[in-house]
């Protein structure tokens, strides 16, 4: 029996759809260094999936003498400059899965803690019309790990969270997706997602199609025989 598709698939952006984390880390290192501090890979990992305003306060504690909004703007500008220079660095399999879901007629939203102007820039650089909606960090009052971003996406798409699948690469993002009630797939990138609550953990999106999404949704949606672990 063929599993039915979810009403919507909700994608995280940084680290899930596109591999922008190295650009963020480079921008963070330059920012902190410009204010006389030192930044490390380990410190960057602690910010993966964190809301940008929350991250800005951490940079202030590291000695960056700028207000939070200016820090967010500076980092966003630097990452956008890297994207303009190098193009969109899709995560393995991400673009093919987007195309497969789009061909199957599934609604899709981008749910990111990056600023809207950056998210729109990413969407505009994608060579297929993939997303029906963008929910960005400046669109919600409470960032991930709160469920608000995913709940806002479902509301705007007109679907129930339990009828959606979310794809995430970070613990904070995955917690947000799980708390929203969506069936959640973790695809770890820089940090482990073990024990965070994903309904399924995939090592990569490479080789995945809409049929794989349907299989996870069919097993773990509320009321399914397989239940959720």
N, C-alpha and C. Protein backbone atom coordinates (compact mmCIF):
# COMPACT_ATOMS: atom_id res chain seq x y z
N UNK A 1 0.84 -1.19 0.00
CA UNK A 1 0.00 0.00 0.00
C UNK A 1 0.88 1.25 0.00
N UNK A 2 0.58 2.19 -0.85
CA UNK A 2 1.38 3.41 -0.97
C UNK A 2 1.00 4.40 0.12
N UNK A 3 2.00 4.92 0.85
CA UNK A 3 1.72 5.91 1.89
C UNK A 3 1.33 7.22 1.25
N UNK A 4 0.42 7.92 1.92
CA UNK A 4 0.01 9.21 1.38
C UNK A 4 1.02 10.29 1.77
N UNK A 5 1.08 11.30 0.94
CA UNK A 5 1.99 12.41 1.18
C UNK A 5 1.42 13.35 2.25
N UNK A 6 2.30 14.07 2.95
CA UNK A 6 1.81 15.09 3.88
C UNK A 6 1.20 16.26 3.11
N UNK A 7 0.42 17.07 3.82
CA UNK A 7 -0.18 18.25 3.20
C UNK A 7 0.88 19.30 2.89
N UNK A 8 1.99 19.29 3.63
CA UNK A 8 3.06 20.27 3.41
C UNK A 8 4.37 19.71 3.94
N UNK A 9 5.46 20.16 3.33
CA UNK A 9 6.80 19.89 3.85
C UNK A 9 7.44 21.22 4.19
N UNK A 10 7.96 21.32 5.39
CA UNK A 10 8.52 22.56 5.93
C UNK A 10 10.03 22.38 6.09
N UNK A 11 10.77 23.23 5.42
CA UNK A 11 12.22 23.10 5.36
C UNK A 11 12.91 24.16 6.21
N UNK A 12 13.83 23.72 7.05
CA UNK A 12 14.83 24.64 7.59
C UNK A 12 15.76 25.03 6.45
N UNK A 13 16.46 26.15 6.61
CA UNK A 13 17.33 26.62 5.52
C UNK A 13 18.80 26.33 5.80
N UNK A 14 19.40 27.06 6.73
CA UNK A 14 20.85 26.97 6.96
C UNK A 14 21.23 25.60 7.52
N UNK A 15 22.04 24.87 6.77
CA UNK A 15 22.50 23.57 7.21
C UNK A 15 21.62 22.42 6.78
N UNK A 16 20.38 22.72 6.38
CA UNK A 16 19.46 21.68 5.92
C UNK A 16 19.28 21.76 4.41
N UNK A 17 18.81 22.89 3.94
CA UNK A 17 18.63 23.11 2.50
C UNK A 17 19.94 23.53 1.85
N UNK A 18 20.63 24.47 2.48
CA UNK A 18 21.88 24.99 1.93
C UNK A 18 22.97 24.95 3.00
N UNK A 19 24.20 24.74 2.55
CA UNK A 19 25.34 24.61 3.47
C UNK A 19 25.98 25.97 3.70
N UNK A 20 25.23 26.85 4.38
CA UNK A 20 25.72 28.20 4.65
C UNK A 20 26.47 28.30 5.97
N UNK A 21 26.48 27.24 6.76
CA UNK A 21 27.12 27.33 8.07
C UNK A 21 28.58 27.78 7.99
N UNK A 22 29.39 27.30 7.01
CA UNK A 22 30.76 27.82 6.93
C UNK A 22 30.82 29.33 6.69
N UNK A 23 29.86 29.87 5.94
CA UNK A 23 29.82 31.32 5.71
C UNK A 23 29.48 32.05 7.00
N UNK A 24 28.52 31.52 7.76
CA UNK A 24 28.20 32.14 9.05
C UNK A 24 29.40 32.11 9.98
N UNK A 25 30.08 30.98 10.04
CA UNK A 25 31.22 30.85 10.95
C UNK A 25 32.34 31.81 10.57
N UNK A 26 32.58 31.97 9.28
CA UNK A 26 33.61 32.91 8.84
C UNK A 26 33.23 34.34 9.21
N UNK A 27 31.94 34.68 9.01
CA UNK A 27 31.48 36.03 9.34
C UNK A 27 31.58 36.29 10.84
N UNK A 28 31.27 35.30 11.64
CA UNK A 28 31.34 35.44 13.09
C UNK A 28 32.78 35.67 13.54
N UNK A 29 33.71 34.92 12.97
CA UNK A 29 35.12 35.05 13.34
C UNK A 29 35.64 36.44 13.02
N UNK A 30 35.27 36.96 11.84
CA UNK A 30 35.70 38.30 11.45
C UNK A 30 35.10 39.35 12.37
N UNK A 31 33.82 39.19 12.69
CA UNK A 31 33.14 40.16 13.55
C UNK A 31 33.79 40.24 14.93
N UNK A 32 33.96 39.11 15.56
CA UNK A 32 34.54 39.10 16.91
C UNK A 32 35.99 39.59 16.86
N UNK A 33 36.73 39.16 15.86
CA UNK A 33 38.12 39.59 15.73
C UNK A 33 38.25 41.09 15.55
N UNK A 34 37.30 41.71 14.84
CA UNK A 34 37.35 43.16 14.62
C UNK A 34 37.17 43.94 15.92
N UNK A 35 36.63 43.27 16.94
CA UNK A 35 36.44 43.92 18.24
C UNK A 35 37.43 43.40 19.28
N UNK A 36 38.51 42.78 18.79
CA UNK A 36 39.59 42.38 19.68
C UNK A 36 39.41 41.06 20.37
N UNK A 37 38.40 40.30 19.99
CA UNK A 37 38.15 39.01 20.63
C UNK A 37 38.62 37.85 19.78
N UNK A 38 38.42 36.65 20.30
CA UNK A 38 38.76 35.43 19.58
C UNK A 38 37.52 34.55 19.50
N UNK A 39 37.32 33.97 18.35
CA UNK A 39 36.16 33.11 18.11
C UNK A 39 36.67 31.76 17.67
N UNK A 40 35.94 30.70 18.01
CA UNK A 40 36.40 29.35 17.70
C UNK A 40 35.29 28.56 17.02
N UNK A 41 35.69 27.47 16.40
CA UNK A 41 34.73 26.57 15.77
C UNK A 41 33.76 26.02 16.82
N UNK A 42 34.26 25.73 18.00
CA UNK A 42 33.42 25.18 19.06
C UNK A 42 32.35 26.18 19.48
N UNK A 43 32.72 27.46 19.56
CA UNK A 43 31.73 28.49 19.90
C UNK A 43 30.68 28.63 18.80
N UNK A 44 31.11 28.53 17.55
CA UNK A 44 30.18 28.61 16.44
C UNK A 44 29.16 27.48 16.49
N UNK A 45 29.61 26.28 16.85
CA UNK A 45 28.70 25.14 16.90
C UNK A 45 27.59 25.36 17.91
N UNK A 46 27.86 26.11 18.96
CA UNK A 46 26.84 26.38 19.98
C UNK A 46 25.73 27.28 19.46
N UNK A 47 25.98 27.97 18.35
CA UNK A 47 24.99 28.89 17.79
C UNK A 47 24.16 28.27 16.68
N UNK A 48 24.49 27.04 16.27
CA UNK A 48 23.77 26.41 15.16
C UNK A 48 22.30 26.26 15.52
N UNK A 49 21.43 26.84 14.69
CA UNK A 49 19.99 26.75 14.92
C UNK A 49 19.44 27.76 15.90
N UNK A 50 20.29 28.64 16.42
CA UNK A 50 19.84 29.65 17.39
C UNK A 50 19.31 30.87 16.66
N UNK A 51 18.29 31.51 17.23
CA UNK A 51 17.79 32.76 16.67
C UNK A 51 18.88 33.81 16.62
N UNK A 52 18.87 34.64 15.58
CA UNK A 52 19.96 35.59 15.39
C UNK A 52 20.03 36.65 16.48
N UNK A 53 18.91 37.08 16.99
CA UNK A 53 18.96 38.08 18.07
C UNK A 53 19.55 37.48 19.33
N UNK A 54 19.24 36.21 19.59
CA UNK A 54 19.86 35.53 20.74
C UNK A 54 21.37 35.39 20.50
N UNK A 55 21.75 35.06 19.27
CA UNK A 55 23.18 34.95 18.96
C UNK A 55 23.88 36.30 19.12
N UNK A 56 23.19 37.38 18.72
CA UNK A 56 23.78 38.71 18.81
C UNK A 56 24.15 39.05 20.26
N UNK A 57 23.31 38.63 21.19
CA UNK A 57 23.61 38.91 22.60
C UNK A 57 24.85 38.14 23.07
N UNK A 58 25.06 36.97 22.51
CA UNK A 58 26.28 36.21 22.83
C UNK A 58 27.51 36.94 22.29
N UNK A 59 27.40 37.50 21.09
CA UNK A 59 28.53 38.27 20.54
C UNK A 59 28.80 39.52 21.38
N UNK A 60 27.77 40.15 21.88
CA UNK A 60 27.97 41.30 22.75
C UNK A 60 28.74 40.89 24.01
N UNK A 61 28.42 39.71 24.55
CA UNK A 61 29.13 39.20 25.72
C UNK A 61 30.58 38.87 25.40
N UNK A 62 30.86 38.62 24.10
CA UNK A 62 32.23 38.35 23.65
C UNK A 62 33.00 39.64 23.35
N UNK A 63 32.35 40.79 23.58
CA UNK A 63 33.04 42.06 23.42
C UNK A 63 32.71 42.83 22.16
N UNK A 64 31.73 42.38 21.37
CA UNK A 64 31.35 43.11 20.16
C UNK A 64 30.52 44.33 20.58
N UNK A 65 31.05 45.51 20.29
CA UNK A 65 30.43 46.75 20.77
C UNK A 65 29.49 47.32 19.69
N UNK A 66 28.42 46.59 19.46
CA UNK A 66 27.38 46.99 18.51
C UNK A 66 26.03 46.58 19.10
N UNK A 67 24.97 47.29 18.70
CA UNK A 67 23.67 46.82 19.18
C UNK A 67 23.28 45.56 18.43
N UNK A 68 22.32 44.83 18.99
CA UNK A 68 21.99 43.50 18.48
C UNK A 68 21.54 43.55 17.02
N UNK A 69 20.70 44.51 16.68
CA UNK A 69 20.20 44.59 15.30
C UNK A 69 21.35 44.84 14.31
N UNK A 70 22.31 45.67 14.72
CA UNK A 70 23.45 45.95 13.85
C UNK A 70 24.32 44.71 13.66
N UNK A 71 24.45 43.91 14.71
CA UNK A 71 25.21 42.65 14.60
C UNK A 71 24.54 41.72 13.60
N UNK A 72 23.22 41.59 13.72
CA UNK A 72 22.48 40.71 12.80
C UNK A 72 22.63 41.20 11.37
N UNK A 73 22.53 42.50 11.17
CA UNK A 73 22.67 43.06 9.81
C UNK A 73 24.06 42.82 9.26
N UNK A 74 25.08 43.00 10.09
CA UNK A 74 26.47 42.81 9.66
C UNK A 74 26.71 41.36 9.24
N UNK A 75 26.28 40.41 10.06
CA UNK A 75 26.48 39.00 9.74
C UNK A 75 25.70 38.61 8.48
N UNK A 76 24.47 39.08 8.39
CA UNK A 76 23.64 38.76 7.22
C UNK A 76 24.27 39.30 5.95
N UNK A 77 24.77 40.54 6.00
CA UNK A 77 25.42 41.12 4.82
C UNK A 77 26.63 40.30 4.39
N UNK A 78 27.43 39.86 5.36
CA UNK A 78 28.63 39.09 5.03
C UNK A 78 28.28 37.74 4.40
N UNK A 79 27.25 37.09 4.94
CA UNK A 79 26.84 35.80 4.38
C UNK A 79 26.25 35.98 2.99
N UNK A 80 25.44 37.01 2.80
CA UNK A 80 24.88 37.29 1.47
C UNK A 80 25.98 37.57 0.46
N UNK A 81 27.02 38.27 0.88
CA UNK A 81 28.13 38.54 -0.03
C UNK A 81 28.81 37.23 -0.45
N UNK A 82 28.95 36.30 0.48
CA UNK A 82 29.53 35.00 0.15
C UNK A 82 28.67 34.21 -0.81
N UNK A 83 27.34 34.28 -0.63
CA UNK A 83 26.42 33.58 -1.53
C UNK A 83 26.46 34.19 -2.93
N UNK A 84 26.52 35.52 -2.98
CA UNK A 84 26.59 36.18 -4.28
C UNK A 84 27.88 35.81 -5.02
N UNK A 85 28.94 35.61 -4.26
CA UNK A 85 30.23 35.27 -4.86
C UNK A 85 30.27 33.80 -5.30
N UNK A 86 29.76 32.91 -4.45
CA UNK A 86 29.96 31.47 -4.66
C UNK A 86 28.72 30.73 -5.17
N UNK A 87 27.53 31.36 -5.13
CA UNK A 87 26.31 30.67 -5.51
C UNK A 87 25.70 29.92 -4.33
N UNK A 88 24.57 29.25 -4.59
CA UNK A 88 23.85 28.53 -3.53
C UNK A 88 24.49 27.16 -3.31
N UNK A 89 25.04 26.91 -2.12
CA UNK A 89 25.66 25.62 -1.84
C UNK A 89 24.64 24.63 -1.28
N UNK A 90 23.87 23.99 -2.15
CA UNK A 90 22.85 23.05 -1.70
C UNK A 90 23.47 21.91 -0.89
N UNK A 91 22.77 21.49 0.15
CA UNK A 91 23.16 20.27 0.84
C UNK A 91 22.91 19.08 -0.08
N UNK A 92 23.69 17.99 0.04
CA UNK A 92 23.52 16.84 -0.84
C UNK A 92 22.08 16.33 -0.88
N UNK A 93 21.53 16.24 -2.08
CA UNK A 93 20.18 15.71 -2.26
C UNK A 93 19.06 16.70 -2.06
N UNK A 94 19.35 17.90 -1.54
CA UNK A 94 18.28 18.83 -1.19
C UNK A 94 17.52 19.32 -2.41
N UNK A 95 18.26 19.73 -3.44
CA UNK A 95 17.57 20.26 -4.60
C UNK A 95 16.73 19.18 -5.28
N UNK A 96 17.24 17.96 -5.37
CA UNK A 96 16.49 16.88 -6.01
C UNK A 96 15.23 16.55 -5.22
N UNK A 97 15.31 16.59 -3.90
CA UNK A 97 14.12 16.32 -3.09
C UNK A 97 13.10 17.45 -3.24
N UNK A 98 13.59 18.68 -3.29
CA UNK A 98 12.68 19.81 -3.57
C UNK A 98 11.92 19.57 -4.87
N UNK A 99 12.65 19.21 -5.91
CA UNK A 99 12.02 19.02 -7.22
C UNK A 99 11.03 17.86 -7.19
N UNK A 100 11.37 16.78 -6.49
CA UNK A 100 10.49 15.63 -6.41
C UNK A 100 9.19 15.98 -5.69
N UNK A 101 9.30 16.71 -4.59
CA UNK A 101 8.11 17.12 -3.84
C UNK A 101 7.27 18.10 -4.64
N UNK A 102 7.92 19.00 -5.34
CA UNK A 102 7.18 19.98 -6.14
C UNK A 102 6.43 19.27 -7.27
N UNK A 103 7.11 18.32 -7.90
CA UNK A 103 6.46 17.57 -8.98
C UNK A 103 5.26 16.77 -8.46
N UNK A 104 5.34 16.34 -7.20
CA UNK A 104 4.23 15.58 -6.59
C UNK A 104 3.11 16.50 -6.10
N UNK A 105 3.31 17.81 -6.20
CA UNK A 105 2.26 18.75 -5.83
C UNK A 105 2.16 19.07 -4.35
N UNK A 106 3.24 18.83 -3.60
CA UNK A 106 3.22 19.08 -2.16
C UNK A 106 3.52 20.56 -1.88
N UNK A 107 2.74 21.18 -1.01
CA UNK A 107 3.04 22.54 -0.58
C UNK A 107 4.35 22.55 0.20
N UNK A 108 5.12 23.63 0.06
CA UNK A 108 6.37 23.72 0.79
C UNK A 108 6.60 25.13 1.33
N UNK A 109 7.17 25.17 2.53
CA UNK A 109 7.54 26.44 3.15
C UNK A 109 8.98 26.36 3.62
N UNK A 110 9.66 27.50 3.57
CA UNK A 110 10.99 27.65 4.15
C UNK A 110 10.81 28.29 5.52
N UNK A 111 11.33 27.63 6.55
CA UNK A 111 11.15 28.10 7.93
C UNK A 111 12.53 28.27 8.54
N UNK A 112 12.99 29.50 8.61
CA UNK A 112 14.38 29.78 8.96
C UNK A 112 14.47 30.88 10.01
N UNK A 113 15.55 30.86 10.78
CA UNK A 113 15.80 31.94 11.72
C UNK A 113 16.67 33.03 11.11
N UNK A 114 17.11 32.87 9.88
CA UNK A 114 17.76 33.96 9.17
C UNK A 114 16.76 35.06 8.86
N UNK A 115 17.26 36.25 8.57
CA UNK A 115 16.38 37.36 8.25
C UNK A 115 15.68 37.12 6.91
N UNK A 116 14.50 37.73 6.77
CA UNK A 116 13.69 37.55 5.56
C UNK A 116 14.48 37.94 4.30
N UNK A 117 15.25 39.01 4.36
CA UNK A 117 15.95 39.44 3.14
C UNK A 117 16.96 38.40 2.70
N UNK A 118 17.56 37.70 3.67
CA UNK A 118 18.48 36.64 3.28
C UNK A 118 17.73 35.43 2.74
N UNK A 119 16.64 35.05 3.41
CA UNK A 119 15.86 33.91 2.96
C UNK A 119 15.33 34.14 1.55
N UNK A 120 14.84 35.35 1.28
CA UNK A 120 14.33 35.66 -0.05
C UNK A 120 15.46 35.60 -1.09
N UNK A 121 16.64 36.02 -0.70
CA UNK A 121 17.78 35.95 -1.63
C UNK A 121 18.10 34.50 -1.99
N UNK A 122 18.05 33.60 -1.00
CA UNK A 122 18.29 32.18 -1.25
C UNK A 122 17.22 31.65 -2.19
N UNK A 123 15.96 31.94 -1.88
CA UNK A 123 14.85 31.44 -2.70
C UNK A 123 14.98 31.94 -4.13
N UNK A 124 15.36 33.19 -4.29
CA UNK A 124 15.48 33.77 -5.64
C UNK A 124 16.61 33.14 -6.44
N UNK A 125 17.62 32.58 -5.76
CA UNK A 125 18.74 31.97 -6.44
C UNK A 125 18.48 30.51 -6.83
N UNK A 126 17.41 29.91 -6.27
CA UNK A 126 17.06 28.53 -6.60
C UNK A 126 16.42 28.50 -7.99
N UNK A 127 16.83 27.54 -8.79
CA UNK A 127 16.39 27.54 -10.19
C UNK A 127 15.05 26.85 -10.43
N UNK A 128 14.33 26.52 -9.34
CA UNK A 128 12.96 26.03 -9.48
C UNK A 128 12.08 26.82 -8.53
N UNK A 129 10.80 26.93 -8.86
CA UNK A 129 9.84 27.64 -8.01
C UNK A 129 9.40 26.70 -6.90
N UNK A 130 10.22 26.64 -5.84
CA UNK A 130 10.06 25.57 -4.85
C UNK A 130 9.10 25.91 -3.72
N UNK A 131 9.10 27.15 -3.25
CA UNK A 131 8.44 27.45 -1.99
C UNK A 131 7.19 28.31 -2.17
N UNK A 132 6.15 27.90 -1.45
CA UNK A 132 4.91 28.67 -1.43
C UNK A 132 4.96 29.79 -0.40
N UNK A 133 5.89 29.69 0.53
CA UNK A 133 5.89 30.57 1.69
C UNK A 133 7.28 30.61 2.31
N UNK A 134 7.63 31.76 2.87
CA UNK A 134 8.84 31.90 3.67
C UNK A 134 8.45 32.46 5.04
N UNK A 135 8.84 31.77 6.09
CA UNK A 135 8.76 32.29 7.46
C UNK A 135 10.18 32.48 7.94
N UNK A 136 10.54 33.72 8.26
CA UNK A 136 11.92 34.06 8.63
C UNK A 136 12.01 34.50 10.08
N UNK A 137 13.24 34.72 10.52
CA UNK A 137 13.47 35.06 11.91
C UNK A 137 12.80 36.35 12.36
N UNK A 138 12.62 37.29 11.42
CA UNK A 138 11.97 38.55 11.79
C UNK A 138 10.46 38.52 11.57
N UNK A 139 9.91 37.32 11.34
CA UNK A 139 8.46 37.18 11.17
C UNK A 139 7.75 36.67 12.42
N UNK A 140 8.51 36.20 13.41
CA UNK A 140 7.91 35.60 14.61
C UNK A 140 8.50 36.24 15.86
N UNK A 141 7.69 36.29 16.91
CA UNK A 141 8.15 36.88 18.17
C UNK A 141 9.11 35.96 18.90
N UNK A 142 8.84 34.67 18.84
CA UNK A 142 9.69 33.70 19.55
C UNK A 142 10.37 32.79 18.53
N UNK A 143 11.70 32.69 18.59
CA UNK A 143 12.44 31.89 17.60
C UNK A 143 12.44 30.41 17.95
N UNK A 144 12.99 29.59 17.07
CA UNK A 144 13.31 28.22 17.44
C UNK A 144 14.23 28.26 18.67
N UNK A 145 14.06 27.41 19.67
CA UNK A 145 13.34 26.13 19.69
C UNK A 145 11.85 26.22 20.01
N UNK A 146 11.28 27.42 20.16
CA UNK A 146 9.84 27.52 20.33
C UNK A 146 9.15 27.04 19.05
N UNK A 147 7.94 26.54 19.15
CA UNK A 147 7.25 26.02 17.96
C UNK A 147 6.69 27.10 17.04
N UNK A 148 6.75 28.37 17.46
CA UNK A 148 6.08 29.45 16.74
C UNK A 148 6.38 29.51 15.24
N UNK A 149 7.65 29.37 14.80
CA UNK A 149 7.90 29.48 13.36
C UNK A 149 7.17 28.41 12.55
N UNK A 150 7.17 27.18 13.04
CA UNK A 150 6.49 26.11 12.31
C UNK A 150 4.97 26.25 12.40
N UNK A 151 4.48 26.69 13.54
CA UNK A 151 3.03 26.92 13.65
C UNK A 151 2.59 28.04 12.71
N UNK A 152 3.41 29.08 12.60
CA UNK A 152 3.08 30.18 11.69
C UNK A 152 3.05 29.70 10.25
N UNK A 153 3.99 28.85 9.87
CA UNK A 153 4.03 28.33 8.50
C UNK A 153 2.79 27.49 8.21
N UNK A 154 2.42 26.62 9.14
CA UNK A 154 1.23 25.79 8.92
C UNK A 154 -0.03 26.64 8.82
N UNK A 155 -0.13 27.63 9.68
CA UNK A 155 -1.30 28.51 9.64
C UNK A 155 -1.40 29.23 8.30
N UNK A 156 -0.27 29.75 7.82
CA UNK A 156 -0.28 30.49 6.55
C UNK A 156 -0.58 29.58 5.36
N UNK A 157 -0.15 28.31 5.44
CA UNK A 157 -0.40 27.37 4.36
C UNK A 157 -1.80 26.75 4.44
N UNK A 158 -2.45 26.93 5.59
CA UNK A 158 -3.78 26.36 5.77
C UNK A 158 -3.76 24.87 6.01
N UNK A 159 -2.72 24.38 6.70
CA UNK A 159 -2.63 22.95 7.01
C UNK A 159 -2.45 22.78 8.52
N UNK A 160 -2.86 21.63 9.03
CA UNK A 160 -2.63 21.32 10.43
C UNK A 160 -1.19 20.86 10.62
N UNK A 161 -0.54 21.24 11.73
CA UNK A 161 0.84 20.80 11.94
C UNK A 161 1.00 19.29 11.86
N UNK A 162 0.03 18.55 12.36
CA UNK A 162 0.14 17.09 12.34
C UNK A 162 0.02 16.51 10.93
N UNK A 163 -0.37 17.33 9.97
CA UNK A 163 -0.43 16.89 8.57
C UNK A 163 0.80 17.34 7.77
N UNK A 164 1.81 17.85 8.48
CA UNK A 164 3.02 18.36 7.83
C UNK A 164 4.24 17.57 8.25
N UNK A 165 5.27 17.63 7.42
CA UNK A 165 6.59 17.08 7.74
C UNK A 165 7.59 18.22 7.77
N UNK A 166 8.42 18.26 8.79
CA UNK A 166 9.49 19.26 8.91
C UNK A 166 10.84 18.57 8.78
N UNK A 167 11.78 19.26 8.13
CA UNK A 167 13.14 18.74 7.94
C UNK A 167 14.12 19.71 8.58
N UNK A 168 14.95 19.21 9.49
CA UNK A 168 15.84 20.05 10.29
C UNK A 168 17.21 19.43 10.45
N UNK A 169 18.22 20.29 10.69
CA UNK A 169 19.59 19.79 10.90
C UNK A 169 20.13 20.11 12.28
N UNK A 170 19.45 20.95 13.07
CA UNK A 170 20.00 21.38 14.35
C UNK A 170 19.09 20.97 15.50
N UNK A 171 19.65 20.79 16.71
CA UNK A 171 18.82 20.46 17.86
C UNK A 171 17.74 21.49 18.14
N UNK A 172 18.08 22.79 18.11
CA UNK A 172 17.07 23.82 18.36
C UNK A 172 15.95 23.78 17.32
N UNK A 173 16.33 23.65 16.06
CA UNK A 173 15.33 23.58 15.01
C UNK A 173 14.46 22.36 15.13
N UNK A 174 15.06 21.23 15.46
CA UNK A 174 14.30 19.99 15.60
C UNK A 174 13.35 20.08 16.79
N UNK A 175 13.79 20.68 17.88
CA UNK A 175 12.89 20.86 19.02
C UNK A 175 11.69 21.72 18.64
N UNK A 176 11.93 22.74 17.86
CA UNK A 176 10.84 23.60 17.39
C UNK A 176 9.85 22.82 16.55
N UNK A 177 10.37 22.02 15.62
CA UNK A 177 9.50 21.25 14.75
C UNK A 177 8.69 20.22 15.53
N UNK A 178 9.34 19.49 16.42
CA UNK A 178 8.65 18.48 17.22
C UNK A 178 7.58 19.12 18.09
N UNK A 179 7.92 20.25 18.71
CA UNK A 179 6.95 20.92 19.59
C UNK A 179 5.74 21.43 18.83
N UNK A 180 5.90 21.70 17.54
CA UNK A 180 4.77 22.18 16.74
C UNK A 180 3.76 21.08 16.46
N UNK A 181 4.18 19.84 16.56
CA UNK A 181 3.31 18.71 16.25
C UNK A 181 3.56 18.11 14.88
N UNK A 182 4.48 18.68 14.11
CA UNK A 182 4.78 18.14 12.79
C UNK A 182 5.59 16.85 12.91
N UNK A 183 5.41 15.95 11.96
CA UNK A 183 6.30 14.80 11.85
C UNK A 183 7.67 15.33 11.43
N UNK A 184 8.70 14.99 12.18
CA UNK A 184 9.98 15.68 12.03
C UNK A 184 11.10 14.73 11.65
N UNK A 185 11.83 15.14 10.61
CA UNK A 185 12.97 14.37 10.12
C UNK A 185 14.25 15.16 10.42
N UNK A 186 15.17 14.53 11.10
CA UNK A 186 16.46 15.15 11.38
C UNK A 186 17.51 14.68 10.40
N UNK A 187 18.24 15.64 9.83
CA UNK A 187 19.34 15.34 8.92
C UNK A 187 20.57 16.06 9.46
N UNK A 188 21.32 15.43 10.36
CA UNK A 188 22.41 16.13 11.04
C UNK A 188 23.47 16.61 10.08
N UNK A 189 24.01 17.77 10.39
CA UNK A 189 25.08 18.36 9.59
C UNK A 189 26.32 18.51 10.46
N UNK A 190 26.34 19.51 11.32
CA UNK A 190 27.52 19.78 12.14
C UNK A 190 27.40 19.23 13.55
N UNK A 191 26.18 18.99 14.01
CA UNK A 191 25.99 18.54 15.39
C UNK A 191 25.04 17.34 15.40
N UNK A 192 25.19 16.50 16.42
CA UNK A 192 24.37 15.30 16.54
C UNK A 192 22.92 15.66 16.87
N UNK A 193 22.00 14.84 16.37
CA UNK A 193 20.58 15.00 16.69
C UNK A 193 20.05 13.82 17.50
N UNK A 194 20.94 12.99 17.97
CA UNK A 194 20.52 11.84 18.76
C UNK A 194 19.82 12.32 20.04
N UNK A 195 18.68 11.72 20.33
CA UNK A 195 17.97 12.01 21.57
C UNK A 195 17.19 13.30 21.57
N UNK A 196 17.08 13.98 20.43
CA UNK A 196 16.36 15.26 20.38
C UNK A 196 14.87 15.06 20.10
N UNK A 197 14.49 13.90 19.57
CA UNK A 197 13.08 13.63 19.38
C UNK A 197 12.61 13.50 17.96
N UNK A 198 13.54 13.42 17.01
CA UNK A 198 13.14 13.26 15.61
C UNK A 198 12.34 11.97 15.43
N UNK A 199 11.33 12.01 14.56
CA UNK A 199 10.61 10.80 14.21
C UNK A 199 11.46 9.90 13.32
N UNK A 200 12.37 10.51 12.57
CA UNK A 200 13.31 9.75 11.74
C UNK A 200 14.60 10.54 11.64
N UNK A 201 15.72 9.83 11.61
CA UNK A 201 17.03 10.45 11.40
C UNK A 201 17.61 9.90 10.10
N UNK A 202 17.88 10.79 9.16
CA UNK A 202 18.51 10.42 7.90
C UNK A 202 19.92 10.97 7.88
N UNK A 203 20.92 10.18 7.50
CA UNK A 203 22.28 10.71 7.45
C UNK A 203 22.48 11.75 6.35
N UNK A 204 21.63 11.70 5.33
CA UNK A 204 21.72 12.63 4.20
C UNK A 204 20.39 12.66 3.48
N UNK A 205 20.18 13.70 2.69
CA UNK A 205 19.02 13.76 1.80
C UNK A 205 19.31 13.15 0.43
N UNK A 206 20.54 12.81 0.18
CA UNK A 206 20.93 12.26 -1.12
C UNK A 206 20.15 10.98 -1.41
N UNK A 207 19.55 10.91 -2.58
CA UNK A 207 18.79 9.75 -2.98
C UNK A 207 17.36 9.71 -2.48
N UNK A 208 16.96 10.69 -1.68
CA UNK A 208 15.60 10.72 -1.14
C UNK A 208 14.64 11.38 -2.13
N UNK A 209 13.40 10.87 -2.15
CA UNK A 209 12.36 11.44 -3.00
C UNK A 209 11.09 11.64 -2.18
N UNK A 210 10.05 12.12 -2.84
CA UNK A 210 8.78 12.32 -2.15
C UNK A 210 8.25 11.01 -1.57
N UNK A 211 8.62 9.87 -2.16
CA UNK A 211 8.17 8.58 -1.64
C UNK A 211 8.75 8.31 -0.25
N UNK A 212 9.98 8.74 -0.01
CA UNK A 212 10.58 8.56 1.32
C UNK A 212 9.89 9.45 2.35
N UNK A 213 9.55 10.67 1.94
CA UNK A 213 8.81 11.56 2.84
C UNK A 213 7.46 10.93 3.18
N UNK A 214 6.78 10.39 2.17
CA UNK A 214 5.48 9.77 2.39
C UNK A 214 5.60 8.58 3.34
N UNK A 215 6.68 7.82 3.23
CA UNK A 215 6.86 6.65 4.09
C UNK A 215 7.02 7.06 5.55
N UNK A 216 7.83 8.09 5.81
CA UNK A 216 8.00 8.57 7.20
C UNK A 216 6.69 9.13 7.72
N UNK A 217 6.02 9.93 6.91
CA UNK A 217 4.75 10.51 7.32
C UNK A 217 3.72 9.42 7.59
N UNK A 218 3.66 8.42 6.73
CA UNK A 218 2.70 7.35 6.90
C UNK A 218 2.92 6.56 8.17
N UNK A 219 4.16 6.44 8.59
CA UNK A 219 4.49 5.68 9.79
C UNK A 219 4.26 6.48 11.06
N UNK A 220 4.54 7.78 11.03
CA UNK A 220 4.61 8.56 12.27
C UNK A 220 3.52 9.61 12.44
N UNK A 221 2.67 9.81 11.44
CA UNK A 221 1.61 10.79 11.64
C UNK A 221 0.70 10.33 12.77
N UNK A 222 0.04 11.26 13.49
CA UNK A 222 -0.86 10.87 14.58
C UNK A 222 -1.92 9.88 14.09
N UNK A 223 -2.04 8.79 14.83
CA UNK A 223 -3.03 7.79 14.47
C UNK A 223 -2.50 6.69 13.59
N UNK A 224 -1.27 6.84 13.09
CA UNK A 224 -0.70 5.80 12.24
C UNK A 224 -0.36 4.58 13.09
N UNK A 225 -0.39 3.40 12.46
CA UNK A 225 -0.14 2.17 13.20
C UNK A 225 1.27 2.13 13.78
N UNK A 226 2.23 2.76 13.05
CA UNK A 226 3.62 2.69 13.49
C UNK A 226 3.90 3.54 14.69
N UNK A 227 3.09 4.60 14.92
CA UNK A 227 3.32 5.48 16.06
C UNK A 227 4.58 6.28 15.89
N UNK A 228 4.90 7.10 16.86
CA UNK A 228 6.12 7.91 16.85
C UNK A 228 6.99 7.50 18.01
N UNK A 229 8.28 7.46 17.75
CA UNK A 229 9.19 7.08 18.84
C UNK A 229 9.68 8.33 19.57
